[in-house]
Amino acid sequence: MPSVTLKNQIQMPLLGFGVLRMKDPEECERCVEAALDAGYRMFDTAASYGNEEAVGRALNRAVKAGKVRRDELFVITKLWITDAAEALARQGFETSLRKLQMDYIDLYLIHQPYRDYYGAWRTLEKLYREDLARAIGVSNFSPERLVDLCMNTEIPPMVNQIELHPFYHQDRAIKVMRELGVQPQAWAPLCEGLKNIFSNRTLEKVGKKYGKSAAQTALRWNIDRQVSVVLRSSQREHMEEDMGLWDFQLSEADQKAIDPLDLGYSEILDYENPCIARMFNQCCRKGKTE
């Protein structure tokens, strides 16, 4: 599996498997096992997903069976808003660690840019120094908040996981991350199936040149930008198809052909909308996780 090198020299795979919305434990375990068989080694979960235990069971079972070594896995989980405070973040981390049945996390992220994420970050720095997290980062941080955090912390974030796909390029955000030495990682690299991405004419036309599907073309477009991608599927054939990204590379002309697809805004979760901040904070006060 090709990888990128984080600023602390840790290798992170360019392709990973996510488990968002996989609420049924048996389905989640089945999908993680199928993804392992398909060749995935990076797995992305979060405290708010409610399935860390299922992910942990599947991965630990594979390790015990000798199908994979723990050091071949790259496990990501995230701190939810309810624990986004210096006094609470360690407890949130330890809960995730226990549910995953692991001794360390490969990448631990602050899930949302709300509440006391500065205090939470100081705790993440301690976890990193204690080798409990091999790398630390953030998720959904805008360029402005990311710059501010990087300039006012001892250990700047190593990764920022944000929405990135052919309909939302976020070129400015990626440029800022490159300047800061922060690795971009894409959630929803297939736009959660919206905008008819799987039958988009531009993506199909470009992919046809390489004998690839629109989905493979969309994923390769991000990877060619050196963006690590995390995708989700419950079907084994799609998992196997999405692994077929390593025998082609988009030409500069084909990359430019995809440029006009950029809407310049999100149709999934617009973090520039103040209503989103209100929604997350209100959910947090009510004790909800989504």
C-alpha atoms as a PDB file:
ATOM      1  CA  MET A   1       0.000   0.000   0.000  1.00  0.00           C
ATOM      2  CA  PRO A   2       1.588   3.326  -1.050  1.00  0.00           C
ATOM      3  CA  SER A   3       1.934   5.825   1.767  1.00  0.00           C
ATOM      4  CA  VAL A   4       2.805   9.407   2.623  1.00  0.00           C
ATOM      5  CA  THR A   5       5.325  10.505   5.235  1.00  0.00           C
ATOM      6  CA  LEU A   6       4.034  12.680   8.069  1.00  0.00           C
ATOM      7  CA  LYS A   7       6.205  15.437   9.525  1.00  0.00           C
ATOM      8  CA  ASN A   8       7.341  13.099  12.328  1.00  0.00           C
ATOM      9  CA  GLN A   9       8.440  10.539   9.684  1.00  0.00           C
ATOM     10  CA  ILE A  10       5.543   8.173  10.374  1.00  0.00           C
ATOM     11  CA  GLN A  11       4.234   6.435   7.244  1.00  0.00           C
ATOM     12  CA  MET A  12       0.474   6.788   6.661  1.00  0.00           C
ATOM     13  CA  PRO A  13      -1.275   4.798   3.904  1.00  0.00           C
ATOM     14  CA  LEU A  14      -2.808   6.728   1.021  1.00  0.00           C
ATOM     15  CA  LEU A  15      -5.971   4.631   1.144  1.00  0.00           C
ATOM     16  CA  GLY A  16      -8.024   3.692   4.193  1.00  0.00           C
ATOM     17  CA  PHE A  17     -11.342   2.156   5.175  1.00  0.00           C
ATOM     18  CA  GLY A  18     -13.883   4.141   7.204  1.00  0.00           C
ATOM     19  CA  VAL A  19     -16.806   2.901   9.297  1.00  0.00           C
ATOM     20  CA  LEU A  20     -19.032   5.984   9.615  1.00  0.00           C
ATOM     21  CA  ARG A  21     -22.713   5.042  10.100  1.00  0.00           C
ATOM     22  CA  MET A  22     -21.929   1.339  10.598  1.00  0.00           C
ATOM     23  CA  LYS A  23     -24.046   1.080  13.728  1.00  0.00           C
ATOM     24  CA  ASP A  24     -24.694  -2.668  13.629  1.00  0.00           C
ATOM     25  CA  PRO A  25     -21.704  -4.347  15.369  1.00  0.00           C
ATOM     26  CA  GLU A  26     -21.888  -7.546  13.310  1.00  0.00           C
ATOM     27  CA  GLU A  27     -22.038  -5.637  10.027  1.00  0.00           C
ATOM     28  CA  CYS A  28     -19.151  -3.424  11.102  1.00  0.00           C
ATOM     29  CA  GLU A  29     -16.988  -6.412  12.012  1.00  0.00           C
ATOM     30  CA  ARG A  30     -17.868  -8.139   8.756  1.00  0.00           C
ATOM     31  CA  CYS A  31     -16.954  -5.062   6.714  1.00  0.00           C
ATOM     32  CA  VAL A  32     -13.650  -4.540   8.533  1.00  0.00           C
ATOM     33  CA  GLU A  33     -12.732  -8.191   7.997  1.00  0.00           C
ATOM     34  CA  ALA A  34     -13.660  -7.963   4.309  1.00  0.00           C
ATOM     35  CA  ALA A  35     -11.601  -4.776   3.969  1.00  0.00           C
ATOM     36  CA  LEU A  36      -8.619  -6.519   5.565  1.00  0.00           C
ATOM     37  CA  ASP A  37      -8.965  -9.374   3.079  1.00  0.00           C
ATOM     38  CA  ALA A  38      -9.146  -6.847   0.228  1.00  0.00           C
ATOM     39  CA  GLY A  39      -5.831  -5.335   1.343  1.00  0.00           C
ATOM     40  CA  TYR A  40      -6.775  -2.351   3.470  1.00  0.00           C
ATOM     41  CA  ARG A  41      -4.470  -1.650   6.397  1.00  0.00           C
ATOM     42  CA  MET A  42      -5.665   1.797   7.520  1.00  0.00           C
ATOM     43  CA  PHE A  43      -8.956   1.919   9.440  1.00  0.00           C
ATOM     44  CA  ASP A  44     -10.765   5.089  10.459  1.00  0.00           C
ATOM     45  CA  THR A  45     -13.301   5.213  13.292  1.00  0.00           C
ATOM     46  CA  ALA A  46     -14.297   7.725  15.985  1.00  0.00           C
ATOM     47  CA  ALA A  47     -15.802   7.877  19.452  1.00  0.00           C
ATOM     48  CA  SER A  48     -18.943   9.434  17.960  1.00  0.00           C
ATOM     49  CA  TYR A  49     -19.422   6.572  15.473  1.00  0.00           C
ATOM     50  CA  GLY A  50     -20.295   4.166  18.272  1.00  0.00           C
ATOM     51  CA  ASN A  51     -18.411   1.266  16.693  1.00  0.00           C
ATOM     52  CA  GLU A  52     -14.872   1.367  18.086  1.00  0.00           C
ATOM     53  CA  GLU A  53     -15.494  -1.922  19.927  1.00  0.00           C
ATOM     54  CA  ALA A  54     -16.581  -3.684  16.730  1.00  0.00           C
ATOM     55  CA  VAL A  55     -13.551  -2.358  14.851  1.00  0.00           C
ATOM     56  CA  GLY A  56     -11.285  -3.450  17.696  1.00  0.00           C
ATOM     57  CA  ARG A  57     -12.749  -6.963  17.794  1.00  0.00           C
ATOM     58  CA  ALA A  58     -12.292  -7.450  14.059  1.00  0.00           C
ATOM     59  CA  LEU A  59      -8.729  -6.137  13.974  1.00  0.00           C
ATOM     60  CA  ASN A  60      -7.592  -7.963  17.103  1.00  0.00           C
ATOM     61  CA  ARG A  61      -9.104 -11.206  15.838  1.00  0.00           C
ATOM     62  CA  ALA A  62      -7.132 -10.808  12.600  1.00  0.00           C
ATOM     63  CA  VAL A  63      -3.917 -10.124  14.529  1.00  0.00           C
ATOM     64  CA  LYS A  64      -4.398 -13.158  16.782  1.00  0.00           C
ATOM     65  CA  ALA A  65      -5.130 -15.345  13.759  1.00  0.00           C
ATOM     66  CA  GLY A  66      -1.865 -14.242  12.153  1.00  0.00           C
ATOM     67  CA  LYS A  67      -3.585 -12.588   9.168  1.00  0.00           C
ATOM     68  CA  VAL A  68      -1.888  -9.281   9.890  1.00  0.00           C
ATOM     69  CA  ARG A  69       0.579  -7.833  12.402  1.00  0.00           C
ATOM     70  CA  ARG A  70      -0.420  -4.930  14.611  1.00  0.00           C
ATOM     71  CA  ASP A  71       2.482  -2.872  13.253  1.00  0.00           C
ATOM     72  CA  GLU A  72       1.076  -3.322   9.733  1.00  0.00           C
ATOM     73  CA  LEU A  73      -2.154  -1.597  10.756  1.00  0.00           C
ATOM     74  CA  PHE A  74      -2.755   2.144  10.881  1.00  0.00           C
ATOM     75  CA  VAL A  75      -5.686   2.817  13.217  1.00  0.00           C
ATOM     76  CA  ILE A  76      -7.340   6.232  13.407  1.00  0.00           C
ATOM     77  CA  THR A  77      -9.910   7.377  15.951  1.00  0.00           C
ATOM     78  CA  LYS A  78     -11.160  10.753  17.096  1.00  0.00           C
ATOM     79  CA  LEU A  79     -11.979  12.780  20.207  1.00  0.00           C
ATOM     80  CA  TRP A  80     -15.599  13.925  20.288  1.00  0.00           C
ATOM     81  CA  ILE A  81     -16.807  17.384  21.306  1.00  0.00           C
ATOM     82  CA  THR A  82     -18.085  16.198  24.699  1.00  0.00           C
ATOM     83  CA  ASP A  83     -14.474  15.456  25.696  1.00  0.00           C
ATOM     84  CA  ALA A  84     -12.913  18.480  24.006  1.00  0.00           C
ATOM     85  CA  ALA A  85     -11.285  19.925  27.124  1.00  0.00           C
ATOM     86  CA  GLU A  86      -7.908  19.504  28.768  1.00  0.00           C
ATOM     87  CA  ALA A  87      -9.397  17.737  31.805  1.00  0.00           C
ATOM     88  CA  LEU A  88     -11.533  15.367  29.721  1.00  0.00           C
ATOM     89  CA  ALA A  89      -9.485  14.510  26.646  1.00  0.00           C
ATOM     90  CA  ARG A  90      -7.349  11.833  28.303  1.00  0.00           C
ATOM     91  CA  GLN A  91     -10.441  10.063  29.571  1.00  0.00           C
ATOM     92  CA  GLY A  92     -11.899  10.184  26.053  1.00  0.00           C
ATOM     93  CA  PHE A  93      -8.694   8.769  24.608  1.00  0.00           C
ATOM     94  CA  GLU A  94      -8.444   5.990  27.204  1.00  0.00           C
ATOM     95  CA  THR A  95     -12.057   5.015  26.554  1.00  0.00           C
ATOM     96  CA  SER A  96     -11.327   4.691  22.830  1.00  0.00           C
ATOM     97  CA  LEU A  97      -8.139   2.752  23.551  1.00  0.00           C
ATOM     98  CA  ARG A  98     -10.040   0.326  25.777  1.00  0.00           C
ATOM     99  CA  LYS A  99     -12.841  -0.165  23.263  1.00  0.00           C
ATOM    100  CA  LEU A 100     -10.333  -0.822  20.498  1.00  0.00           C
ATOM    101  CA  GLN A 101      -8.406  -3.220  22.784  1.00  0.00           C
ATOM    102  CA  MET A 102      -5.104  -1.655  21.745  1.00  0.00           C
ATOM    103  CA  ASP A 103      -1.974  -0.371  23.444  1.00  0.00           C
ATOM    104  CA  TYR A 104      -1.650   2.687  21.215  1.00  0.00           C
ATOM    105  CA  ILE A 105      -3.414   4.596  18.447  1.00  0.00           C
ATOM    106  CA  ASP A 106      -1.624   5.346  15.192  1.00  0.00           C
ATOM    107  CA  LEU A 107      -3.410   8.650  14.594  1.00  0.00           C
ATOM    108  CA  TYR A 108      -5.606  10.463  17.115  1.00  0.00           C
ATOM    109  CA  LEU A 109      -7.631  13.425  15.879  1.00  0.00           C
ATOM    110  CA  ILE A 110      -9.712  16.182  17.448  1.00  0.00           C
ATOM    111  CA  HIS A 111     -12.921  15.493  15.575  1.00  0.00           C
ATOM    112  CA  GLN A 112     -14.476  18.973  15.399  1.00  0.00           C
ATOM    113  CA  PRO A 113     -13.125  22.546  15.732  1.00  0.00           C
ATOM    114  CA  TYR A 114     -15.430  23.441  18.627  1.00  0.00           C
ATOM    115  CA  ARG A 115     -15.342  23.950  22.406  1.00  0.00           C
ATOM    116  CA  ASP A 116     -11.953  23.898  24.163  1.00  0.00           C
ATOM    117  CA  TYR A 117      -9.903  22.280  21.440  1.00  0.00           C
ATOM    118  CA  TYR A 118      -6.802  24.154  22.649  1.00  0.00           C
ATOM    119  CA  GLY A 119      -7.029  22.461  26.026  1.00  0.00           C
ATOM    120  CA  ALA A 120      -7.741  19.143  24.344  1.00  0.00           C
ATOM    121  CA  TRP A 121      -4.722  19.625  22.094  1.00  0.00           C
ATOM    122  CA  ARG A 122      -2.411  20.054  25.101  1.00  0.00           C
ATOM    123  CA  THR A 123      -3.580  16.638  26.277  1.00  0.00           C
ATOM    124  CA  LEU A 124      -2.984  15.168  22.799  1.00  0.00           C
ATOM    125  CA  GLU A 125       0.566  16.504  22.933  1.00  0.00           C
ATOM    126  CA  LYS A 126       1.085  14.591  26.199  1.00  0.00           C
ATOM    127  CA  LEU A 127      -0.361  11.408  24.692  1.00  0.00           C
ATOM    128  CA  TYR A 128       2.041  11.776  21.787  1.00  0.00           C
ATOM    129  CA  ARG A 129       5.043  12.270  24.073  1.00  0.00           C
ATOM    130  CA  GLU A 130       3.985   9.171  26.021  1.00  0.00           C
ATOM    131  CA  ASP A 131       3.932   7.135  22.771  1.00  0.00           C
ATOM    132  CA  LEU A 132       0.242   6.365  23.252  1.00  0.00           C
ATOM    133  CA  ALA A 133      -0.491   8.075  19.936  1.00  0.00           C
ATOM    134  CA  ARG A 134       2.049   7.720  17.135  1.00  0.00           C
ATOM    135  CA  ALA A 135       0.674  10.825  15.421  1.00  0.00           C
ATOM    136  CA  ILE A 136      -1.866  13.508  16.349  1.00  0.00           C
ATOM    137  CA  GLY A 137      -3.989  15.794  14.253  1.00  0.00           C
ATOM    138  CA  VAL A 138      -7.343  17.448  13.704  1.00  0.00           C
ATOM    139  CA  SER A 139     -10.428  17.049  11.566  1.00  0.00           C
ATOM    140  CA  ASN A 140     -12.615  19.645   9.859  1.00  0.00           C
ATOM    141  CA  PHE A 141     -10.357  22.579  10.762  1.00  0.00           C
ATOM    142  CA  SER A 142     -10.592  25.568   8.408  1.00  0.00           C
ATOM    143  CA  PRO A 143      -7.337  27.140   7.159  1.00  0.00           C
ATOM    144  CA  GLU A 144      -7.685  30.017   9.627  1.00  0.00           C
ATOM    145  CA  ARG A 145      -8.189  27.797  12.665  1.00  0.00           C
ATOM    146  CA  LEU A 146      -5.435  25.458  11.527  1.00  0.00           C
ATOM    147  CA  VAL A 147      -2.913  28.280  11.155  1.00  0.00           C
ATOM    148  CA  ASP A 148      -3.815  29.634  14.582  1.00  0.00           C
ATOM    149  CA  LEU A 149      -3.463  26.214  16.211  1.00  0.00           C
ATOM    150  CA  CYS A 150      -0.143  25.500  14.491  1.00  0.00           C
ATOM    151  CA  MET A 151       1.294  28.851  15.583  1.00  0.00           C
ATOM    152  CA  ASN A 152       0.287  28.461  19.223  1.00  0.00           C
ATOM    153  CA  THR A 153       1.179  24.865  20.102  1.00  0.00           C
ATOM    154  CA  GLU A 154       4.401  23.060  20.930  1.00  0.00           C
ATOM    155  CA  ILE A 155       3.593  20.144  18.608  1.00  0.00           C
ATOM    156  CA  PRO A 156       1.579  21.255  15.559  1.00  0.00           C
ATOM    157  CA  PRO A 157      -1.020  18.908  14.035  1.00  0.00           C
ATOM    158  CA  MET A 158       0.364  16.335  11.615  1.00  0.00           C
ATOM    159  CA  VAL A 159      -2.906  15.647   9.761  1.00  0.00           C
ATOM    160  CA  ASN A 160      -6.119  17.533   8.974  1.00  0.00           C
ATOM    161  CA  GLN A 161      -8.968  15.291   7.807  1.00  0.00           C
ATOM    162  CA  ILE A 162     -11.468  17.302   5.747  1.00  0.00           C
ATOM    163  CA  GLU A 163     -14.047  16.864   2.995  1.00  0.00           C
ATOM    164  CA  LEU A 164     -12.223  16.519  -0.342  1.00  0.00           C
ATOM    165  CA  HIS A 165     -13.603  15.190  -3.638  1.00  0.00           C
ATOM    166  CA  PRO A 166     -13.921  16.308  -7.297  1.00  0.00           C
ATOM    167  CA  PHE A 167     -16.933  18.506  -6.443  1.00  0.00           C
ATOM    168  CA  TYR A 168     -15.126  20.230  -3.556  1.00  0.00           C
ATOM    169  CA  HIS A 169     -11.403  20.671  -4.209  1.00  0.00           C
ATOM    170  CA  GLN A 170     -10.498  22.940  -1.280  1.00  0.00           C
ATOM    171  CA  ASP A 171      -7.307  24.030  -3.063  1.00  0.00           C
ATOM    172  CA  ARG A 172      -6.794  26.940  -0.653  1.00  0.00           C
ATOM    173  CA  ALA A 173      -7.058  24.646   2.363  1.00  0.00           C
ATOM    174  CA  ILE A 174      -4.568  22.193   0.877  1.00  0.00           C
ATOM    175  CA  LYS A 175      -2.148  25.012  -0.002  1.00  0.00           C
ATOM    176  CA  VAL A 176      -2.202  26.199   3.614  1.00  0.00           C
ATOM    177  CA  MET A 177      -1.676  22.651   4.887  1.00  0.00           C
ATOM    178  CA  ARG A 178       1.332  22.200   2.595  1.00  0.00           C
ATOM    179  CA  GLU A 179       2.835  25.443   3.904  1.00  0.00           C
ATOM    180  CA  LEU A 180       2.350  24.226   7.485  1.00  0.00           C
ATOM    181  CA  GLY A 181       3.587  20.693   6.868  1.00  0.00           C
ATOM    182  CA  VAL A 182       0.161  19.243   7.691  1.00  0.00           C
ATOM    183  CA  GLN A 183      -0.916  16.190   5.694  1.00  0.00           C
ATOM    184  CA  PRO A 184      -4.400  16.454   4.134  1.00  0.00           C
ATOM    185  CA  GLN A 185      -6.680  13.446   4.439  1.00  0.00           C
ATOM    186  CA  ALA A 186     -10.039  13.197   2.660  1.00  0.00           C
ATOM    187  CA  TRP A 187     -13.291  12.118   4.174  1.00  0.00           C
ATOM    188  CA  ALA A 188     -16.167  11.556   1.713  1.00  0.00           C
ATOM    189  CA  PRO A 189     -13.739  11.222  -1.237  1.00  0.00           C
ATOM    190  CA  LEU A 190     -16.691   9.917  -3.258  1.00  0.00           C
ATOM    191  CA  CYS A 191     -19.004  12.728  -2.094  1.00  0.00           C
ATOM    192  CA  GLU A 192     -21.079  10.150  -0.177  1.00  0.00           C
ATOM    193  CA  GLY A 193     -22.545   9.093  -3.517  1.00  0.00           C
ATOM    194  CA  LEU A 194     -24.107  12.510  -4.164  1.00  0.00           C
ATOM    195  CA  LYS A 195     -24.091  14.460  -7.452  1.00  0.00           C
ATOM    196  CA  ASN A 196     -24.351  11.164  -9.392  1.00  0.00           C
ATOM    197  CA  ILE A 197     -20.598  10.802  -8.932  1.00  0.00           C
ATOM    198  CA  PHE A 198     -20.585   7.153  -9.993  1.00  0.00           C
ATOM    199  CA  SER A 199     -22.010   8.044 -13.392  1.00  0.00           C
ATOM    200  CA  ASN A 200     -20.525  11.507 -13.831  1.00  0.00           C
ATOM    201  CA  ARG A 201     -19.717  11.980 -17.528  1.00  0.00           C
ATOM    202  CA  THR A 202     -16.408  13.742 -16.957  1.00  0.00           C
ATOM    203  CA  LEU A 203     -15.136  11.121 -14.509  1.00  0.00           C
ATOM    204  CA  GLU A 204     -16.354   8.285 -16.748  1.00  0.00           C
ATOM    205  CA  LYS A 205     -14.692   9.830 -19.811  1.00  0.00           C
ATOM    206  CA  VAL A 206     -11.367  10.307 -18.026  1.00  0.00           C
ATOM    207  CA  GLY A 207     -11.520   6.865 -16.416  1.00  0.00           C
ATOM    208  CA  LYS A 208     -12.262   5.143 -19.715  1.00  0.00           C
ATOM    209  CA  LYS A 209      -8.776   6.091 -20.944  1.00  0.00           C
ATOM    210  CA  TYR A 210      -7.286   3.987 -18.167  1.00  0.00           C
ATOM    211  CA  GLY A 211      -9.914   1.253 -18.053  1.00  0.00           C
ATOM    212  CA  LYS A 212     -11.162   2.565 -14.711  1.00  0.00           C
ATOM    213  CA  SER A 213     -14.546   3.462 -13.242  1.00  0.00           C
ATOM    214  CA  ALA A 214     -15.708   6.946 -12.299  1.00  0.00           C
ATOM    215  CA  ALA A 215     -15.189   6.041  -8.623  1.00  0.00           C
ATOM    216  CA  GLN A 216     -11.621   4.870  -9.200  1.00  0.00           C
ATOM    217  CA  THR A 217     -10.923   8.029 -11.184  1.00  0.00           C
ATOM    218  CA  ALA A 218     -12.271  10.243  -8.392  1.00  0.00           C
ATOM    219  CA  LEU A 219     -10.124   8.464  -5.808  1.00  0.00           C
ATOM    220  CA  ARG A 220      -7.015   8.573  -7.990  1.00  0.00           C
ATOM    221  CA  TRP A 221      -7.571  12.313  -8.526  1.00  0.00           C
ATOM    222  CA  ASN A 222      -7.132  12.901  -4.794  1.00  0.00           C
ATOM    223  CA  ILE A 223      -4.245  10.466  -4.477  1.00  0.00           C
ATOM    224  CA  ASP A 224      -2.414  12.193  -7.332  1.00  0.00           C
ATOM    225  CA  ARG A 225      -2.615  15.331  -5.174  1.00  0.00           C
ATOM    226  CA  GLN A 226      -0.894  13.300  -2.414  1.00  0.00           C
ATOM    227  CA  VAL A 227      -4.100  13.361  -0.390  1.00  0.00           C
ATOM    228  CA  SER A 228      -4.739  10.294   1.766  1.00  0.00           C
ATOM    229  CA  VAL A 229      -8.330   9.097   1.343  1.00  0.00           C
ATOM    230  CA  VAL A 230     -10.723   7.283   3.669  1.00  0.00           C
ATOM    231  CA  LEU A 231     -13.732   5.664   2.053  1.00  0.00           C
ATOM    232  CA  ARG A 232     -16.613   3.467   3.137  1.00  0.00           C
ATOM    233  CA  SER A 233     -18.340   0.473   1.543  1.00  0.00           C
ATOM    234  CA  SER A 234     -20.286  -2.544   2.737  1.00  0.00           C
ATOM    235  CA  GLN A 235     -19.815  -4.496  -0.482  1.00  0.00           C
ATOM    236  CA  ARG A 236     -16.734  -6.642  -0.989  1.00  0.00           C
ATOM    237  CA  GLU A 237     -16.639  -6.067  -4.755  1.00  0.00           C
ATOM    238  CA  HIS A 238     -16.496  -2.306  -4.217  1.00  0.00           C
ATOM    239  CA  MET A 239     -13.707  -2.711  -1.654  1.00  0.00           C
ATOM    240  CA  GLU A 240     -11.705  -4.737  -4.145  1.00  0.00           C
ATOM    241  CA  GLU A 241     -12.437  -2.284  -6.961  1.00  0.00           C
ATOM    242  CA  ASP A 242     -11.297   0.644  -4.837  1.00  0.00           C
ATOM    243  CA  MET A 243      -7.974  -1.104  -4.272  1.00  0.00           C
ATOM    244  CA  GLY A 244      -7.286  -0.996  -8.018  1.00  0.00           C
ATOM    245  CA  LEU A 245      -5.739   2.454  -7.920  1.00  0.00           C
ATOM    246  CA  TRP A 246      -2.058   1.717  -8.143  1.00  0.00           C
ATOM    247  CA  ASP A 247      -1.554   0.808 -11.802  1.00  0.00           C
ATOM    248  CA  PHE A 248      -2.413   4.199 -13.312  1.00  0.00           C
ATOM    249  CA  GLN A 249      -1.917   7.907 -12.778  1.00  0.00           C
ATOM    250  CA  LEU A 250      -3.958  10.772 -14.210  1.00  0.00           C
ATOM    251  CA  SER A 251      -2.226  12.951 -16.738  1.00  0.00           C
ATOM    252  CA  GLU A 252      -2.039  16.694 -16.174  1.00  0.00           C
ATOM    253  CA  ALA A 253      -4.610  17.191 -18.933  1.00  0.00           C
ATOM    254  CA  ASP A 254      -7.019  14.762 -17.260  1.00  0.00           C
ATOM    255  CA  GLN A 255      -6.570  16.452 -13.909  1.00  0.00           C
ATOM    256  CA  LYS A 256      -7.424  19.777 -15.542  1.00  0.00           C
ATOM    257  CA  ALA A 257     -10.478  18.181 -17.171  1.00  0.00           C
ATOM    258  CA  ILE A 258     -11.804  17.472 -13.660  1.00  0.00           C
ATOM    259  CA  ASP A 259     -11.205  21.050 -12.440  1.00  0.00           C
ATOM    260  CA  PRO A 260     -14.569  22.430 -13.698  1.00  0.00           C
ATOM    261  CA  LEU A 261     -16.438  19.966 -11.459  1.00  0.00           C
ATOM    262  CA  ASP A 262     -15.446  21.998  -8.388  1.00  0.00           C
ATOM    263  CA  LEU A 263     -18.486  23.712  -6.868  1.00  0.00           C
ATOM    264  CA  GLY A 264     -16.380  25.700  -4.425  1.00  0.00           C
ATOM    265  CA  TYR A 265     -18.594  24.734  -1.501  1.00  0.00           C
ATOM    266  CA  SER A 266     -19.845  21.666   0.351  1.00  0.00           C
ATOM    267  CA  GLU A 267     -23.242  20.110  -0.166  1.00  0.00           C
ATOM    268  CA  ILE A 268     -22.590  17.649   2.677  1.00  0.00           C
ATOM    269  CA  LEU A 269     -21.523  19.726   5.696  1.00  0.00           C
ATOM    270  CA  ASP A 270     -20.725  23.398   5.226  1.00  0.00           C
ATOM    271  CA  TYR A 271     -18.361  24.371   8.040  1.00  0.00           C
ATOM    272  CA  GLU A 272     -18.506  28.021   6.939  1.00  0.00           C
ATOM    273  CA  ASN A 273     -22.169  28.095   7.961  1.00  0.00           C
ATOM    274  CA  PRO A 274     -22.639  29.284  11.600  1.00  0.00           C
ATOM    275  CA  CYS A 275     -25.659  26.971  11.860  1.00  0.00           C
ATOM    276  CA  ILE A 276     -23.279  23.997  11.720  1.00  0.00           C
ATOM    277  CA  ALA A 277     -21.407  25.252  14.778  1.00  0.00           C
ATOM    278  CA  ARG A 278     -24.699  25.765  16.604  1.00  0.00           C
ATOM    279  CA  MET A 279     -25.867  22.291  15.633  1.00  0.00           C
ATOM    280  CA  PHE A 280     -22.761  20.542  16.950  1.00  0.00           C
ATOM    281  CA  ASN A 281     -22.701  22.521  20.191  1.00  0.00           C
ATOM    282  CA  GLN A 282     -26.414  21.985  20.825  1.00  0.00           C
ATOM    283  CA  CYS A 283     -26.050  18.257  20.199  1.00  0.00           C
ATOM    284  CA  CYS A 284     -23.150  18.214  22.629  1.00  0.00           C
ATOM    285  CA  ARG A 285     -25.221  19.890  25.357  1.00  0.00           C
ATOM    286  CA  LYS A 286     -27.997  17.365  24.816  1.00  0.00           C
ATOM    287  CA  GLY A 287     -25.515  14.496  25.118  1.00  0.00           C
ATOM    288  CA  LYS A 288     -25.902  13.377  21.525  1.00  0.00           C
ATOM    289  CA  THR A 289     -22.976  12.091  19.494  1.00  0.00           C
ATOM    290  CA  GLU A 290     -24.169  12.868  15.967  1.00  0.00           C
END
